PDB file of N, CA and C in Angstrom:
ATOM      1  N   MET A   1       0.845  -1.166   0.000  1.00  0.00           N
ATOM      2  CA  MET A   1       0.000   0.000   0.000  1.00  0.00           C
ATOM      3  C   MET A   1       0.899   1.240   0.000  1.00  0.00           C
ATOM      4  N   ALA A   2       0.712   2.106  -0.963  1.00  0.00           N
ATOM      5  CA  ALA A   2       1.510   3.327  -1.065  1.00  0.00           C
ATOM      6  C   ALA A   2       0.872   4.411  -0.211  1.00  0.00           C
ATOM      7  N   THR A   3       1.711   5.233   0.382  1.00  0.00           N
ATOM      8  CA  THR A   3       1.202   6.345   1.175  1.00  0.00           C
ATOM      9  C   THR A   3       1.559   7.642   0.473  1.00  0.00           C
ATOM     10  N   ALA A   4       0.639   8.559   0.492  1.00  0.00           N
ATOM     11  CA  ALA A   4       0.884   9.856  -0.147  1.00  0.00           C
ATOM     12  C   ALA A   4       1.605  10.766   0.831  1.00  0.00           C
ATOM     13  N   THR A   5       2.727  11.311   0.420  1.00  0.00           N
ATOM     14  CA  THR A   5       3.471  12.220   1.282  1.00  0.00           C
ATOM     15  C   THR A   5       3.398  13.654   0.784  1.00  0.00           C
ATOM     16  N   LYS A   6       2.778  13.863  -0.360  1.00  0.00           N
ATOM     17  CA  LYS A   6       2.669  15.212  -0.902  1.00  0.00           C
ATOM     18  C   LYS A   6       1.580  15.980  -0.179  1.00  0.00           C
ATOM     19  N   SER A   7       1.790  17.270  -0.049  1.00  0.00           N
ATOM     20  CA  SER A   7       0.810  18.139   0.581  1.00  0.00           C
ATOM     21  C   SER A   7      -0.395  18.324  -0.338  1.00  0.00           C
ATOM     22  N   LYS A   8      -1.567  18.524   0.263  1.00  0.00           N
ATOM     23  CA  LYS A   8      -2.776  18.771  -0.515  1.00  0.00           C
ATOM     24  C   LYS A   8      -2.658  20.058  -1.314  1.00  0.00           C
ATOM     25  N   VAL A   9      -1.843  20.990  -0.826  1.00  0.00           N
ATOM     26  CA  VAL A   9      -1.760  22.313  -1.429  1.00  0.00           C
ATOM     27  C   VAL A   9      -1.022  22.279  -2.761  1.00  0.00           C
ATOM     28  N   LYS A  10      -0.393  21.182  -3.115  1.00  0.00           N
ATOM     29  CA  LYS A  10       0.313  21.076  -4.385  1.00  0.00           C
ATOM     30  C   LYS A  10      -0.621  21.384  -5.547  1.00  0.00           C
ATOM     31  N   MET A  11      -1.908  21.189  -5.368  1.00  0.00           N
ATOM     32  CA  MET A  11      -2.868  21.462  -6.426  1.00  0.00           C
ATOM     33  C   MET A  11      -3.148  22.955  -6.553  1.00  0.00           C
ATOM     34  N   MET A  12      -2.818  23.755  -5.545  1.00  0.00           N
ATOM     35  CA  MET A  12      -3.021  25.195  -5.582  1.00  0.00           C
ATOM     36  C   MET A  12      -1.652  25.844  -5.802  1.00  0.00           C
ATOM     37  N   GLN A  13      -1.415  26.368  -6.993  1.00  0.00           N
ATOM     38  CA  GLN A  13      -0.142  26.987  -7.324  1.00  0.00           C
ATOM     39  C   GLN A  13      -0.343  28.487  -7.486  1.00  0.00           C
ATOM     40  N   PRO A  14       0.259  29.303  -6.603  1.00  0.00           N
ATOM     41  CA  PRO A  14       0.096  30.752  -6.730  1.00  0.00           C
ATOM     42  C   PRO A  14       0.822  31.275  -7.974  1.00  0.00           C
ATOM     43  N   LEU A  15       0.349  32.388  -8.496  1.00  0.00           N
ATOM     44  CA  LEU A  15       0.940  32.997  -9.678  1.00  0.00           C
ATOM     45  C   LEU A  15       1.827  34.170  -9.294  1.00  0.00           C
ATOM     46  N   GLY A  16       2.776  34.485 -10.152  1.00  0.00           N
ATOM     47  CA  GLY A  16       3.624  35.658  -9.961  1.00  0.00           C
ATOM     48  C   GLY A  16       4.394  35.622  -8.653  1.00  0.00           C
ATOM     49  N   ASP A  17       4.363  36.740  -7.947  1.00  0.00           N
ATOM     50  CA  ASP A  17       5.127  36.855  -6.692  1.00  0.00           C
ATOM     51  C   ASP A  17       4.234  36.651  -5.475  1.00  0.00           C
ATOM     52  N   ARG A  18       3.326  35.697  -5.573  1.00  0.00           N
ATOM     53  CA  ARG A  18       2.427  35.413  -4.444  1.00  0.00           C
ATOM     54  C   ARG A  18       2.831  34.124  -3.736  1.00  0.00           C
ATOM     55  N   VAL A  19       2.483  34.057  -2.455  1.00  0.00           N
ATOM     56  CA  VAL A  19       2.728  32.860  -1.656  1.00  0.00           C
ATOM     57  C   VAL A  19       1.433  32.455  -0.962  1.00  0.00           C
ATOM     58  N   VAL A  20       1.304  31.162  -0.677  1.00  0.00           N
ATOM     59  CA  VAL A  20       0.151  30.642   0.062  1.00  0.00           C
ATOM     60  C   VAL A  20       0.640  30.320   1.467  1.00  0.00           C
ATOM     61  N   ILE A  21      -0.069  30.826   2.457  1.00  0.00           N
ATOM     62  CA  ILE A  21       0.335  30.683   3.866  1.00  0.00           C
ATOM     63  C   ILE A  21      -0.772  30.006   4.648  1.00  0.00           C
ATOM     64  N   ARG A  22      -0.387  29.049   5.494  1.00  0.00           N
ATOM     65  CA  ARG A  22      -1.302  28.448   6.462  1.00  0.00           C
ATOM     66  C   ARG A  22      -1.019  29.142   7.786  1.00  0.00           C
ATOM     67  N   SER A  23      -2.035  29.788   8.350  1.00  0.00           N
ATOM     68  CA  SER A  23      -1.857  30.519   9.609  1.00  0.00           C
ATOM     69  C   SER A  23      -1.495  29.574  10.735  1.00  0.00           C
ATOM     70  N   LEU A  24      -0.581  30.025  11.582  1.00  0.00           N
ATOM     71  CA  LEU A  24      -0.223  29.266  12.781  1.00  0.00           C
ATOM     72  C   LEU A  24      -1.155  29.703  13.889  1.00  0.00           C
ATOM     73  N   GLU A  25      -1.819  28.747  14.489  1.00  0.00           N
ATOM     74  CA  GLU A  25      -2.752  29.047  15.570  1.00  0.00           C
ATOM     75  C   GLU A  25      -1.974  29.388  16.829  1.00  0.00           C
ATOM     76  N   GLU A  26      -2.373  30.477  17.459  1.00  0.00           N
ATOM     77  CA  GLU A  26      -1.752  30.854  18.718  1.00  0.00           C
ATOM     78  C   GLU A  26      -2.319  29.980  19.825  1.00  0.00           C
ATOM     79  N   THR A  27      -1.491  29.674  20.786  1.00  0.00           N
ATOM     80  CA  THR A  27      -1.965  28.849  21.888  1.00  0.00           C
ATOM     81  C   THR A  27      -2.957  29.648  22.725  1.00  0.00           C
ATOM     82  N   GLU A  28      -4.008  28.976  23.155  1.00  0.00           N
ATOM     83  CA  GLU A  28      -5.052  29.642  23.919  1.00  0.00           C
ATOM     84  C   GLU A  28      -4.541  29.947  25.324  1.00  0.00           C
ATOM     85  N   GLN A  29      -4.731  31.183  25.750  1.00  0.00           N
ATOM     86  CA  GLN A  29      -4.278  31.590  27.068  1.00  0.00           C
ATOM     87  C   GLN A  29      -5.487  31.978  27.904  1.00  0.00           C
ATOM     88  N   MET A  30      -5.494  31.497  29.113  1.00  0.00           N
ATOM     89  CA  MET A  30      -6.566  31.870  30.028  1.00  0.00           C
ATOM     90  C   MET A  30      -5.937  32.686  31.143  1.00  0.00           C
ATOM     91  N   ARG A  31      -6.366  33.924  31.237  1.00  0.00           N
ATOM     92  CA  ARG A  31      -5.804  34.818  32.252  1.00  0.00           C
ATOM     93  C   ARG A  31      -6.879  35.118  33.279  1.00  0.00           C
ATOM     94  N   GLY A  32      -6.576  34.871  34.500  1.00  0.00           N
ATOM     95  CA  GLY A  32      -7.527  35.154  35.570  1.00  0.00           C
ATOM     96  C   GLY A  32      -8.797  34.335  35.473  1.00  0.00           C
ATOM     97  N   GLY A  33      -8.701  33.167  34.834  1.00  0.00           N
ATOM     98  CA  GLY A  33      -9.853  32.298  34.726  1.00  0.00           C
ATOM     99  C   GLY A  33     -10.850  32.699  33.657  1.00  0.00           C
ATOM    100  N   LEU A  34     -10.514  33.691  32.825  1.00  0.00           N
ATOM    101  CA  LEU A  34     -11.430  34.133  31.777  1.00  0.00           C
ATOM    102  C   LEU A  34     -11.169  33.352  30.492  1.00  0.00           C
ATOM    103  N   TYR A  35     -12.253  32.977  29.839  1.00  0.00           N
ATOM    104  CA  TYR A  35     -12.151  32.282  28.557  1.00  0.00           C
ATOM    105  C   TYR A  35     -12.394  33.294  27.447  1.00  0.00           C
ATOM    106  N   ILE A  36     -11.482  33.331  26.470  1.00  0.00           N
ATOM    107  CA  ILE A  36     -11.629  34.244  25.341  1.00  0.00           C
ATOM    108  C   ILE A  36     -12.171  33.448  24.161  1.00  0.00           C
ATOM    109  N   PRO A  37     -13.392  33.717  23.707  1.00  0.00           N
ATOM    110  CA  PRO A  37     -13.959  32.955  22.581  1.00  0.00           C
ATOM    111  C   PRO A  37     -13.215  33.249  21.283  1.00  0.00           C
ATOM    112  N   ASP A  38     -13.287  32.313  20.323  1.00  0.00           N
ATOM    113  CA  ASP A  38     -12.602  32.459  19.049  1.00  0.00           C
ATOM    114  C   ASP A  38     -13.016  33.714  18.305  1.00  0.00           C
ATOM    115  N   THR A  39     -14.269  34.121  18.444  1.00  0.00           N
ATOM    116  CA  THR A  39     -14.755  35.290  17.720  1.00  0.00           C
ATOM    117  C   THR A  39     -14.150  36.587  18.234  1.00  0.00           C
ATOM    118  N   ALA A  40     -13.648  36.598  19.460  1.00  0.00           N
ATOM    119  CA  ALA A  40     -13.066  37.808  20.035  1.00  0.00           C
ATOM    120  C   ALA A  40     -11.554  37.874  19.857  1.00  0.00           C
ATOM    121  N   LYS A  41     -10.952  36.796  19.408  1.00  0.00           N
ATOM    122  CA  LYS A  41      -9.506  36.771  19.232  1.00  0.00           C
ATOM    123  C   LYS A  41      -9.105  37.445  17.926  1.00  0.00           C
ATOM    124  N   GLU A  42      -7.930  38.051  17.939  1.00  0.00           N
ATOM    125  CA  GLU A  42      -7.402  38.619  16.708  1.00  0.00           C
ATOM    126  C   GLU A  42      -6.857  37.503  15.834  1.00  0.00           C
ATOM    127  N   LYS A  43      -6.875  37.725  14.526  1.00  0.00           N
ATOM    128  CA  LYS A  43      -6.336  36.734  13.613  1.00  0.00           C
ATOM    129  C   LYS A  43      -4.817  36.675  13.785  1.00  0.00           C
ATOM    130  N   PRO A  44      -4.243  35.494  13.656  1.00  0.00           N
ATOM    131  CA  PRO A  44      -2.790  35.397  13.780  1.00  0.00           C
ATOM    132  C   PRO A  44      -2.112  36.130  12.632  1.00  0.00           C
ATOM    133  N   GLN A  45      -0.928  36.649  12.897  1.00  0.00           N
ATOM    134  CA  GLN A  45      -0.163  37.355  11.891  1.00  0.00           C
ATOM    135  C   GLN A  45       1.105  36.596  11.535  1.00  0.00           C
ATOM    136  N   GLN A  46       1.106  35.325  11.838  1.00  0.00           N
ATOM    137  CA  GLN A  46       2.250  34.505  11.480  1.00  0.00           C
ATOM    138  C   GLN A  46       1.754  33.196  10.902  1.00  0.00           C
ATOM    139  N   GLY A  47       2.555  32.624  10.023  1.00  0.00           N
ATOM    140  CA  GLY A  47       2.135  31.399   9.378  1.00  0.00           C
ATOM    141  C   GLY A  47       3.296  30.695   8.715  1.00  0.00           C
ATOM    142  N   GLU A  48       2.972  29.565   8.097  1.00  0.00           N
ATOM    143  CA  GLU A  48       3.972  28.759   7.403  1.00  0.00           C
ATOM    144  C   GLU A  48       3.653  28.774   5.914  1.00  0.00           C
ATOM    145  N   ILE A  49       4.662  28.987   5.097  1.00  0.00           N
ATOM    146  CA  ILE A  49       4.490  29.021   3.652  1.00  0.00           C
ATOM    147  C   ILE A  49       4.299  27.598   3.149  1.00  0.00           C
ATOM    148  N   VAL A  50       3.218  27.363   2.402  1.00  0.00           N
ATOM    149  CA  VAL A  50       2.936  26.032   1.873  1.00  0.00           C
ATOM    150  C   VAL A  50       3.067  25.966   0.356  1.00  0.00           C
ATOM    151  N   ALA A  51       3.090  27.119  -0.326  1.00  0.00           N
ATOM    152  CA  ALA A  51       3.292  27.149  -1.776  1.00  0.00           C
ATOM    153  C   ALA A  51       3.847  28.513  -2.167  1.00  0.00           C
ATOM    154  N   VAL A  52       4.705  28.526  -3.190  1.00  0.00           N
ATOM    155  CA  VAL A  52       5.365  29.746  -3.643  1.00  0.00           C
ATOM    156  C   VAL A  52       5.210  29.859  -5.153  1.00  0.00           C
ATOM    157  N   GLY A  53       4.898  31.059  -5.625  1.00  0.00           N
ATOM    158  CA  GLY A  53       4.798  31.306  -7.063  1.00  0.00           C
ATOM    159  C   GLY A  53       6.177  31.361  -7.704  1.00  0.00           C
ATOM    160  N   PRO A  54       6.226  31.457  -9.028  1.00  0.00           N
ATOM    161  CA  PRO A  54       7.504  31.451  -9.747  1.00  0.00           C
ATOM    162  C   PRO A  54       8.287  32.758  -9.648  1.00  0.00           C
ATOM    163  N   GLY A  55       7.649  33.845  -9.258  1.00  0.00           N
ATOM    164  CA  GLY A  55       8.333  35.136  -9.162  1.00  0.00           C
ATOM    165  C   GLY A  55       7.697  36.145 -10.104  1.00  0.00           C
ATOM    166  N   ARG A  56       8.082  37.402  -9.956  1.00  0.00           N
ATOM    167  CA  ARG A  56       7.495  38.462 -10.775  1.00  0.00           C
ATOM    168  C   ARG A  56       8.400  38.771 -11.970  1.00  0.00           C
ATOM    169  N   TYR A  57       7.820  39.421 -12.969  1.00  0.00           N
ATOM    170  CA  TYR A  57       8.584  39.879 -14.125  1.00  0.00           C
ATOM    171  C   TYR A  57       9.003  41.316 -13.906  1.00  0.00           C
ATOM    172  N   GLU A  58      10.263  41.614 -14.194  1.00  0.00           N
ATOM    173  CA  GLU A  58      10.765  42.965 -14.095  1.00  0.00           C
ATOM    174  C   GLU A  58      11.691  43.197 -15.285  1.00  0.00           C
ATOM    175  N   LYS A  59      11.365  44.159 -16.108  1.00  0.00           N
ATOM    176  CA  LYS A  59      12.127  44.475 -17.327  1.00  0.00           C
ATOM    177  C   LYS A  59      12.259  43.257 -18.238  1.00  0.00           C
ATOM    178  N   GLY A  60      11.180  42.490 -18.344  1.00  0.00           N
ATOM    179  CA  GLY A  60      11.155  41.344 -19.243  1.00  0.00           C
ATOM    180  C   GLY A  60      11.826  40.086 -18.720  1.00  0.00           C
ATOM    181  N   GLU A  61      12.354  40.123 -17.507  1.00  0.00           N
ATOM    182  CA  GLU A  61      13.004  38.940 -16.925  1.00  0.00           C
ATOM    183  C   GLU A  61      12.329  38.580 -15.616  1.00  0.00           C
ATOM    184  N   ARG A  62      12.279  37.285 -15.339  1.00  0.00           N
ATOM    185  CA  ARG A  62      11.652  36.815 -14.105  1.00  0.00           C
ATOM    186  C   ARG A  62      12.620  36.980 -12.932  1.00  0.00           C
ATOM    187  N   VAL A  63      12.126  37.610 -11.862  1.00  0.00           N
ATOM    188  CA  VAL A  63      12.892  37.769 -10.629  1.00  0.00           C
ATOM    189  C   VAL A  63      12.477  36.636  -9.699  1.00  0.00           C
ATOM    190  N   PRO A  64      13.403  35.746  -9.319  1.00  0.00           N
ATOM    191  CA  PRO A  64      13.026  34.601  -8.478  1.00  0.00           C
ATOM    192  C   PRO A  64      12.601  35.036  -7.075  1.00  0.00           C
ATOM    193  N   MET A  65      11.789  34.189  -6.443  1.00  0.00           N
ATOM    194  CA  MET A  65      11.287  34.459  -5.093  1.00  0.00           C
ATOM    195  C   MET A  65      12.386  34.235  -4.057  1.00  0.00           C
ATOM    196  N   GLU A  66      12.370  35.055  -3.007  1.00  0.00           N
ATOM    197  CA  GLU A  66      13.299  34.870  -1.893  1.00  0.00           C
ATOM    198  C   GLU A  66      12.742  33.885  -0.871  1.00  0.00           C
ATOM    199  N   LEU A  67      11.418  33.753  -0.828  1.00  0.00           N
ATOM    200  CA  LEU A  67      10.770  32.889   0.151  1.00  0.00           C
ATOM    201  C   LEU A  67      10.709  31.458  -0.349  1.00  0.00           C
ATOM    202  N   LYS A  68      10.696  30.514   0.596  1.00  0.00           N
ATOM    203  CA  LYS A  68      10.658  29.098   0.257  1.00  0.00           C
ATOM    204  C   LYS A  68       9.576  28.388   1.073  1.00  0.00           C
ATOM    205  N   VAL A  69       9.080  27.287   0.533  1.00  0.00           N
ATOM    206  CA  VAL A  69       8.087  26.477   1.223  1.00  0.00           C
ATOM    207  C   VAL A  69       8.673  25.987   2.546  1.00  0.00           C
ATOM    208  N   GLY A  70       7.872  26.052   3.598  1.00  0.00           N
ATOM    209  CA  GLY A  70       8.299  25.581   4.908  1.00  0.00           C
ATOM    210  C   GLY A  70       8.768  26.682   5.843  1.00  0.00           C
ATOM    211  N   GLN A  71       9.061  27.867   5.313  1.00  0.00           N
ATOM    212  CA  GLN A  71       9.507  28.962   6.176  1.00  0.00           C
ATOM    213  C   GLN A  71       8.335  29.497   6.986  1.00  0.00           C
ATOM    214  N   LYS A  72       8.624  29.898   8.220  1.00  0.00           N
ATOM    215  CA  LYS A  72       7.624  30.538   9.071  1.00  0.00           C
ATOM    216  C   LYS A  72       7.842  32.046   8.937  1.00  0.00           C
ATOM    217  N   VAL A  73       6.743  32.767   8.690  1.00  0.00           N
ATOM    218  CA  VAL A  73       6.843  34.187   8.395  1.00  0.00           C
ATOM    219  C   VAL A  73       5.840  35.010   9.195  1.00  0.00           C
ATOM    220  N   LEU A  74       6.142  36.299   9.313  1.00  0.00           N
ATOM    221  CA  LEU A  74       5.215  37.288   9.869  1.00  0.00           C
ATOM    222  C   LEU A  74       4.705  38.116   8.697  1.00  0.00           C
ATOM    223  N   TYR A  75       3.411  38.444   8.705  1.00  0.00           N
ATOM    224  CA  TYR A  75       2.848  39.212   7.607  1.00  0.00           C
ATOM    225  C   TYR A  75       1.946  40.302   8.160  1.00  0.00           C
ATOM    226  N   GLY A  76       1.621  41.269   7.322  1.00  0.00           N
ATOM    227  CA  GLY A  76       0.787  42.396   7.719  1.00  0.00           C
ATOM    228  C   GLY A  76      -0.599  41.962   8.163  1.00  0.00           C
ATOM    229  N   LYS A  77      -1.168  42.709   9.080  1.00  0.00           N
ATOM    230  CA  LYS A  77      -2.445  42.361   9.697  1.00  0.00           C
ATOM    231  C   LYS A  77      -3.582  42.239   8.694  1.00  0.00           C
ATOM    232  N   TYR A  78      -3.655  43.123   7.733  1.00  0.00           N
ATOM    233  CA  TYR A  78      -4.767  43.120   6.781  1.00  0.00           C
ATOM    234  C   TYR A  78      -4.305  42.723   5.380  1.00  0.00           C
ATOM    235  N   SER A  79      -3.269  41.925   5.296  1.00  0.00           N
ATOM    236  CA  SER A  79      -2.697  41.529   4.009  1.00  0.00           C
ATOM    237  C   SER A  79      -3.431  40.349   3.397  1.00  0.00           C
ATOM    238  N   GLY A  80      -3.438  40.318   2.078  1.00  0.00           N
ATOM    239  CA  GLY A  80      -3.842  39.137   1.342  1.00  0.00           C
ATOM    240  C   GLY A  80      -5.323  38.838   1.262  1.00  0.00           C
ATOM    241  N   THR A  81      -5.580  37.661   0.697  1.00  0.00           N
ATOM    242  CA  THR A  81      -6.932  37.167   0.485  1.00  0.00           C
ATOM    243  C   THR A  81      -7.075  35.808   1.136  1.00  0.00           C
ATOM    244  N   GLU A  82      -8.095  35.656   1.966  1.00  0.00           N
ATOM    245  CA  GLU A  82      -8.339  34.369   2.609  1.00  0.00           C
ATOM    246  C   GLU A  82      -9.084  33.456   1.648  1.00  0.00           C
ATOM    247  N   VAL A  83      -8.638  32.201   1.555  1.00  0.00           N
ATOM    248  CA  VAL A  83      -9.303  31.213   0.704  1.00  0.00           C
ATOM    249  C   VAL A  83      -9.469  29.915   1.480  1.00  0.00           C
ATOM    250  N   ARG A  84     -10.454  29.143   1.066  1.00  0.00           N
ATOM    251  CA  ARG A  84     -10.698  27.831   1.671  1.00  0.00           C
ATOM    252  C   ARG A  84     -10.420  26.793   0.595  1.00  0.00           C
ATOM    253  N   PHE A  85      -9.564  25.811   0.902  1.00  0.00           N
ATOM    254  CA  PHE A  85      -9.176  24.778  -0.051  1.00  0.00           C
ATOM    255  C   PHE A  85      -9.053  23.463   0.704  1.00  0.00           C
ATOM    256  N   ASP A  86      -9.767  22.444   0.270  1.00  0.00           N
ATOM    257  CA  ASP A  86      -9.759  21.130   0.933  1.00  0.00           C
ATOM    258  C   ASP A  86     -10.047  21.255   2.428  1.00  0.00           C
ATOM    259  N   ASP A  87     -11.059  22.040   2.774  1.00  0.00           N
ATOM    260  CA  ASP A  87     -11.509  22.231   4.160  1.00  0.00           C
ATOM    261  C   ASP A  87     -10.458  22.853   5.067  1.00  0.00           C
ATOM    262  N   GLU A  88      -9.514  23.593   4.516  1.00  0.00           N
ATOM    263  CA  GLU A  88      -8.528  24.324   5.321  1.00  0.00           C
ATOM    264  C   GLU A  88      -8.505  25.768   4.857  1.00  0.00           C
ATOM    265  N   GLU A  89      -8.193  26.666   5.798  1.00  0.00           N
ATOM    266  CA  GLU A  89      -8.105  28.094   5.499  1.00  0.00           C
ATOM    267  C   GLU A  89      -6.666  28.457   5.151  1.00  0.00           C
ATOM    268  N   TYR A  90      -6.497  29.209   4.072  1.00  0.00           N
ATOM    269  CA  TYR A  90      -5.182  29.681   3.646  1.00  0.00           C
ATOM    270  C   TYR A  90      -5.265  31.166   3.359  1.00  0.00           C
ATOM    271  N   LEU A  91      -4.099  31.795   3.284  1.00  0.00           N
ATOM    272  CA  LEU A  91      -3.997  33.202   2.959  1.00  0.00           C
ATOM    273  C   LEU A  91      -3.062  33.315   1.765  1.00  0.00           C
ATOM    274  N   ILE A  92      -3.492  34.004   0.718  1.00  0.00           N
ATOM    275  CA  ILE A  92      -2.641  34.247  -0.444  1.00  0.00           C
ATOM    276  C   ILE A  92      -2.215  35.702  -0.398  1.00  0.00           C
ATOM    277  N   ILE A  93      -0.900  35.925  -0.319  1.00  0.00           N
ATOM    278  CA  ILE A  93      -0.384  37.293  -0.241  1.00  0.00           C
ATOM    279  C   ILE A  93       0.797  37.466  -1.190  1.00  0.00           C
ATOM    280  N   LYS A  94       1.117  38.717  -1.467  1.00  0.00           N
ATOM    281  CA  LYS A  94       2.285  39.027  -2.288  1.00  0.00           C
ATOM    282  C   LYS A  94       3.535  38.889  -1.418  1.00  0.00           C
ATOM    283  N   GLU A  95       4.630  38.577  -2.055  1.00  0.00           N
ATOM    284  CA  GLU A  95       5.897  38.423  -1.336  1.00  0.00           C
ATOM    285  C   GLU A  95       6.251  39.705  -0.581  1.00  0.00           C
ATOM    286  N   SER A  96       5.921  40.863  -1.137  1.00  0.00           N
ATOM    287  CA  SER A  96       6.257  42.136  -0.491  1.00  0.00           C
ATOM    288  C   SER A  96       5.447  42.384   0.791  1.00  0.00           C
ATOM    289  N   ASP A  97       4.333  41.658   0.990  1.00  0.00           N
ATOM    290  CA  ASP A  97       3.541  41.810   2.212  1.00  0.00           C
ATOM    291  C   ASP A  97       4.092  40.987   3.378  1.00  0.00           C
ATOM    292  N   VAL A  98       5.065  40.130   3.104  1.00  0.00           N
ATOM    293  CA  VAL A  98       5.721  39.371   4.173  1.00  0.00           C
ATOM    294  C   VAL A  98       6.708  40.309   4.847  1.00  0.00           C
ATOM    295  N   LEU A  99       6.554  40.465   6.161  1.00  0.00           N
ATOM    296  CA  LEU A  99       7.376  41.422   6.907  1.00  0.00           C
ATOM    297  C   LEU A  99       8.693  40.837   7.378  1.00  0.00           C
ATOM    298  N   ALA A 100       8.697  39.545   7.749  1.00  0.00           N
ATOM    299  CA  ALA A 100       9.908  38.927   8.273  1.00  0.00           C
ATOM    300  C   ALA A 100       9.811  37.414   8.207  1.00  0.00           C
ATOM    301  N   VAL A 101      10.980  36.784   8.134  1.00  0.00           N
ATOM    302  CA  VAL A 101      11.075  35.337   8.229  1.00  0.00           C
ATOM    303  C   VAL A 101      11.530  35.029   9.640  1.00  0.00           C
ATOM    304  N   MET A 102      10.812  34.134  10.313  1.00  0.00           N
ATOM    305  CA  MET A 102      11.158  33.783  11.697  1.00  0.00           C
ATOM    306  C   MET A 102      12.206  32.681  11.681  1.00  0.00           C
ATOM    307  N   GLY A 103      13.250  32.877  12.467  1.00  0.00           N
ATOM    308  CA  GLY A 103      14.386  31.981  12.553  1.00  0.00           C
ATOM    309  C   GLY A 103      14.068  30.590  12.688  1.00  0.00           C
TER     310      GLY A 103
END
């Protein structure tokens, strides 16, 4: 029996200088015994890159992407477009909207 090791996201290929990010869930914290419901929490601003586009064109030549699949990144609070694919939430953003790569 063969097992599939490829990610489901392989079917979603971003175009140009865009990347697909899976948000990293922040650990739930209870302070003073108070429960914070999911609807009151802010959206995470960090995630893991699951797909990378080929890069943008500049002066007729393709500029390769600096980001790679598997990197954990910080991105702008209101960046990108949220999409649902195979029952998972992803964010598609431009490479320039990524603020930092986390070590």
